[in-house]
Amino acid sequence: MPEITRFYGIIIKLFFGDHPPPHFHAVYGEYNGLFSIEPIEIIEGDLPTRAKAMVLEWAAAYQPELIEMWNIQEFRKLPPLK
């Protein structure tokens, strides 16, 4: 699964051709979360509260890019959360 970005120990990955709805994976240590892109929300798994908040903040900032990547299935790196 291609890595899109990483920040504060959180790794964001996207797999093209994966099952709907459009989503990405967030991995933080032993925690895993599956986040829908539209709307931005956790749909499976669990992350610590602070890590989940950072992932949601990052996804809100890059939602158009995530939707575009999912639709055209063209991978590119995105900036981390600052």
N, C-alpha and C. Protein backbone atom coordinates (compact mmCIF):
# COMPACT_ATOMS: atom_id res chain seq x y z
N MET A 1 0.85 -1.17 0.00
CA MET A 1 0.00 0.00 0.00
C MET A 1 0.90 1.23 0.00
N PRO A 2 0.77 2.09 -1.00
CA PRO A 2 1.64 3.27 -1.07
C PRO A 2 1.44 4.23 0.10
N GLU A 3 2.55 4.72 0.59
CA GLU A 3 2.53 5.71 1.67
C GLU A 3 2.36 7.09 1.07
N ILE A 4 1.35 7.82 1.53
CA ILE A 4 1.09 9.17 1.04
C ILE A 4 1.89 10.19 1.83
N THR A 5 1.91 10.02 3.14
CA THR A 5 2.64 10.94 4.01
C THR A 5 2.84 10.29 5.37
N ARG A 6 3.64 10.95 6.19
CA ARG A 6 3.82 10.52 7.57
C ARG A 6 4.11 11.74 8.42
N PHE A 7 3.55 11.75 9.63
CA PHE A 7 3.75 12.85 10.56
C PHE A 7 3.48 12.36 11.97
N TYR A 8 4.29 12.82 12.91
CA TYR A 8 4.14 12.50 14.33
C TYR A 8 3.94 11.01 14.59
N GLY A 9 4.62 10.19 13.83
CA GLY A 9 4.53 8.74 14.01
C GLY A 9 3.33 8.10 13.34
N ILE A 10 2.53 8.89 12.64
CA ILE A 10 1.34 8.38 11.94
C ILE A 10 1.70 8.21 10.46
N ILE A 11 1.36 7.07 9.90
CA ILE A 11 1.61 6.80 8.49
C ILE A 11 0.26 6.74 7.78
N ILE A 12 0.13 7.51 6.70
CA ILE A 12 -1.10 7.53 5.91
C ILE A 12 -0.84 6.77 4.61
N LYS A 13 -1.71 5.80 4.32
CA LYS A 13 -1.54 4.97 3.12
C LYS A 13 -2.84 4.93 2.33
N LEU A 14 -2.69 4.74 1.02
CA LEU A 14 -3.84 4.62 0.14
C LEU A 14 -3.58 3.47 -0.81
N PHE A 15 -4.59 2.63 -1.00
CA PHE A 15 -4.47 1.50 -1.90
C PHE A 15 -5.46 1.68 -3.03
N PHE A 16 -4.98 1.76 -4.26
CA PHE A 16 -5.86 1.94 -5.40
C PHE A 16 -6.57 0.63 -5.73
N GLY A 17 -7.79 0.75 -6.18
CA GLY A 17 -8.56 -0.43 -6.54
C GLY A 17 -9.10 -1.16 -5.33
N ASP A 18 -8.96 -0.56 -4.16
CA ASP A 18 -9.48 -1.15 -2.94
C ASP A 18 -11.00 -1.02 -2.94
N HIS A 19 -11.63 -1.59 -1.97
CA HIS A 19 -13.09 -1.59 -1.89
C HIS A 19 -13.65 -0.19 -1.60
N PRO A 20 -14.88 0.08 -2.08
CA PRO A 20 -15.52 1.35 -1.73
C PRO A 20 -15.94 1.34 -0.26
N PRO A 21 -16.21 2.45 0.35
CA PRO A 21 -16.17 3.80 -0.19
C PRO A 21 -14.72 4.30 -0.28
N PRO A 22 -14.48 5.39 -1.00
CA PRO A 22 -13.13 5.95 -1.06
C PRO A 22 -12.60 6.18 0.36
N HIS A 23 -11.39 5.68 0.62
CA HIS A 23 -10.86 5.74 1.98
C HIS A 23 -9.33 5.66 1.96
N PHE A 24 -8.76 5.93 3.14
CA PHE A 24 -7.32 5.76 3.33
C PHE A 24 -7.11 5.09 4.69
N HIS A 25 -5.90 4.61 4.88
CA HIS A 25 -5.53 3.92 6.12
C HIS A 25 -4.56 4.79 6.91
N ALA A 26 -4.73 4.82 8.22
CA ALA A 26 -3.80 5.51 9.11
C ALA A 26 -3.26 4.50 10.10
N VAL A 27 -1.94 4.43 10.19
CA VAL A 27 -1.28 3.48 11.10
C VAL A 27 -0.46 4.28 12.11
N TYR A 28 -0.68 3.98 13.37
CA TYR A 28 0.05 4.66 14.45
C TYR A 28 0.47 3.58 15.44
N GLY A 29 1.72 3.15 15.34
CA GLY A 29 2.19 2.05 16.20
C GLY A 29 1.36 0.81 15.93
N GLU A 30 0.75 0.26 16.98
CA GLU A 30 -0.07 -0.94 16.82
C GLU A 30 -1.53 -0.63 16.48
N TYR A 31 -1.85 0.66 16.33
CA TYR A 31 -3.22 1.08 16.03
C TYR A 31 -3.41 1.27 14.53
N ASN A 32 -4.60 0.94 14.06
CA ASN A 32 -4.94 1.11 12.65
C ASN A 32 -6.32 1.72 12.55
N GLY A 33 -6.48 2.64 11.63
CA GLY A 33 -7.79 3.23 11.38
C GLY A 33 -8.05 3.34 9.90
N LEU A 34 -9.29 3.13 9.53
CA LEU A 34 -9.73 3.26 8.16
C LEU A 34 -10.64 4.49 8.12
N PHE A 35 -10.29 5.47 7.28
CA PHE A 35 -11.00 6.74 7.23
C PHE A 35 -11.64 6.94 5.87
N SER A 36 -12.92 7.27 5.84
CA SER A 36 -13.56 7.61 4.56
C SER A 36 -13.08 9.01 4.17
N ILE A 37 -13.06 9.25 2.87
CA ILE A 37 -12.59 10.53 2.37
C ILE A 37 -13.73 11.54 2.28
N GLU A 38 -14.93 11.05 1.98
CA GLU A 38 -16.07 11.95 1.85
C GLU A 38 -17.31 11.26 2.39
N PRO A 39 -17.77 11.58 3.57
CA PRO A 39 -17.24 12.57 4.50
C PRO A 39 -15.99 12.05 5.20
N ILE A 40 -15.21 12.94 5.73
CA ILE A 40 -14.00 12.55 6.44
C ILE A 40 -14.41 12.07 7.84
N GLU A 41 -14.25 10.76 8.06
CA GLU A 41 -14.57 10.18 9.35
C GLU A 41 -13.93 8.81 9.46
N ILE A 42 -13.73 8.35 10.68
CA ILE A 42 -13.19 7.02 10.88
C ILE A 42 -14.34 6.03 10.69
N ILE A 43 -14.11 5.01 9.89
CA ILE A 43 -15.17 4.04 9.62
C ILE A 43 -14.84 2.64 10.14
N GLU A 44 -13.59 2.45 10.51
CA GLU A 44 -13.19 1.14 11.04
C GLU A 44 -11.89 1.29 11.80
N GLY A 45 -11.69 0.46 12.80
CA GLY A 45 -10.46 0.48 13.57
C GLY A 45 -10.50 1.49 14.69
N ASP A 46 -9.32 1.76 15.22
CA ASP A 46 -9.25 2.65 16.37
C ASP A 46 -7.87 3.29 16.43
N LEU A 47 -7.85 4.55 16.79
CA LEU A 47 -6.60 5.29 17.03
C LEU A 47 -6.78 6.03 18.34
N PRO A 48 -5.68 6.31 19.03
CA PRO A 48 -5.78 7.16 20.22
C PRO A 48 -6.42 8.50 19.83
N THR A 49 -7.09 9.13 20.77
CA THR A 49 -7.84 10.35 20.51
C THR A 49 -7.01 11.42 19.82
N ARG A 50 -5.82 11.69 20.31
CA ARG A 50 -4.98 12.75 19.73
C ARG A 50 -4.56 12.39 18.31
N ALA A 51 -4.17 11.14 18.07
CA ALA A 51 -3.76 10.71 16.73
C ALA A 51 -4.94 10.81 15.76
N LYS A 52 -6.12 10.39 16.20
CA LYS A 52 -7.32 10.48 15.37
C LYS A 52 -7.61 11.94 15.00
N ALA A 53 -7.49 12.84 15.96
CA ALA A 53 -7.73 14.27 15.70
C ALA A 53 -6.75 14.81 14.66
N MET A 54 -5.48 14.39 14.75
CA MET A 54 -4.48 14.86 13.79
C MET A 54 -4.77 14.33 12.40
N VAL A 55 -5.18 13.07 12.30
CA VAL A 55 -5.51 12.49 11.00
C VAL A 55 -6.70 13.22 10.39
N LEU A 56 -7.73 13.49 11.18
CA LEU A 56 -8.90 14.21 10.68
C LEU A 56 -8.53 15.62 10.22
N GLU A 57 -7.67 16.29 10.97
CA GLU A 57 -7.22 17.63 10.59
C GLU A 57 -6.45 17.60 9.28
N TRP A 58 -5.54 16.63 9.16
CA TRP A 58 -4.75 16.49 7.93
C TRP A 58 -5.66 16.19 6.75
N ALA A 59 -6.59 15.25 6.92
CA ALA A 59 -7.48 14.85 5.82
C ALA A 59 -8.36 16.01 5.36
N ALA A 60 -8.81 16.83 6.29
CA ALA A 60 -9.63 17.99 5.92
C ALA A 60 -8.83 18.96 5.05
N ALA A 61 -7.55 19.10 5.35
CA ALA A 61 -6.69 20.00 4.58
C ALA A 61 -6.41 19.48 3.17
N TYR A 62 -6.41 18.17 2.99
CA TYR A 62 -6.05 17.57 1.71
C TYR A 62 -7.16 16.74 1.08
N GLN A 63 -8.40 16.98 1.49
CA GLN A 63 -9.52 16.21 0.97
C GLN A 63 -9.62 16.25 -0.56
N PRO A 64 -9.53 17.43 -1.20
CA PRO A 64 -9.62 17.44 -2.67
C PRO A 64 -8.53 16.58 -3.33
N GLU A 65 -7.33 16.62 -2.80
CA GLU A 65 -6.24 15.83 -3.35
C GLU A 65 -6.49 14.33 -3.15
N LEU A 66 -7.02 13.96 -1.99
CA LEU A 66 -7.33 12.56 -1.71
C LEU A 66 -8.41 12.04 -2.65
N ILE A 67 -9.45 12.83 -2.86
CA ILE A 67 -10.52 12.44 -3.78
C ILE A 67 -9.97 12.27 -5.19
N GLU A 68 -9.14 13.22 -5.61
CA GLU A 68 -8.56 13.14 -6.95
C GLU A 68 -7.69 11.89 -7.10
N MET A 69 -6.84 11.62 -6.12
CA MET A 69 -5.99 10.43 -6.18
C MET A 69 -6.83 9.17 -6.27
N TRP A 70 -7.89 9.08 -5.47
CA TRP A 70 -8.76 7.90 -5.49
C TRP A 70 -9.40 7.74 -6.86
N ASN A 71 -9.91 8.84 -7.42
CA ASN A 71 -10.64 8.78 -8.69
C ASN A 71 -9.75 8.48 -9.89
N ILE A 72 -8.58 9.11 -9.96
CA ILE A 72 -7.72 8.88 -11.13
C ILE A 72 -6.68 7.79 -10.89
N GLN A 73 -6.60 7.32 -9.66
CA GLN A 73 -5.68 6.26 -9.26
C GLN A 73 -4.24 6.57 -9.66
N GLU A 74 -3.86 7.79 -9.34
CA GLU A 74 -2.49 8.23 -9.59
C GLU A 74 -1.87 8.66 -8.26
N PHE A 75 -0.90 7.92 -7.81
CA PHE A 75 -0.28 8.13 -6.52
C PHE A 75 0.65 9.34 -6.53
N ARG A 76 0.60 10.11 -5.44
CA ARG A 76 1.62 11.16 -5.22
C ARG A 76 1.69 11.42 -3.72
N LYS A 77 2.84 11.89 -3.28
CA LYS A 77 3.04 12.22 -1.87
C LYS A 77 2.32 13.54 -1.57
N LEU A 78 1.83 13.64 -0.34
CA LEU A 78 1.22 14.87 0.14
C LEU A 78 2.01 15.37 1.34
N PRO A 79 1.98 16.68 1.60
CA PRO A 79 2.71 17.21 2.76
C PRO A 79 2.16 16.67 4.08
N PRO A 80 3.01 16.60 5.08
CA PRO A 80 2.55 16.15 6.40
C PRO A 80 1.77 17.25 7.11
N LEU A 81 1.17 16.89 8.21
CA LEU A 81 0.51 17.86 9.08
C LEU A 81 1.60 18.71 9.73
N LYS A 82 1.40 20.01 9.76
CA LYS A 82 2.41 20.90 10.34
C LYS A 82 1.95 21.43 11.66
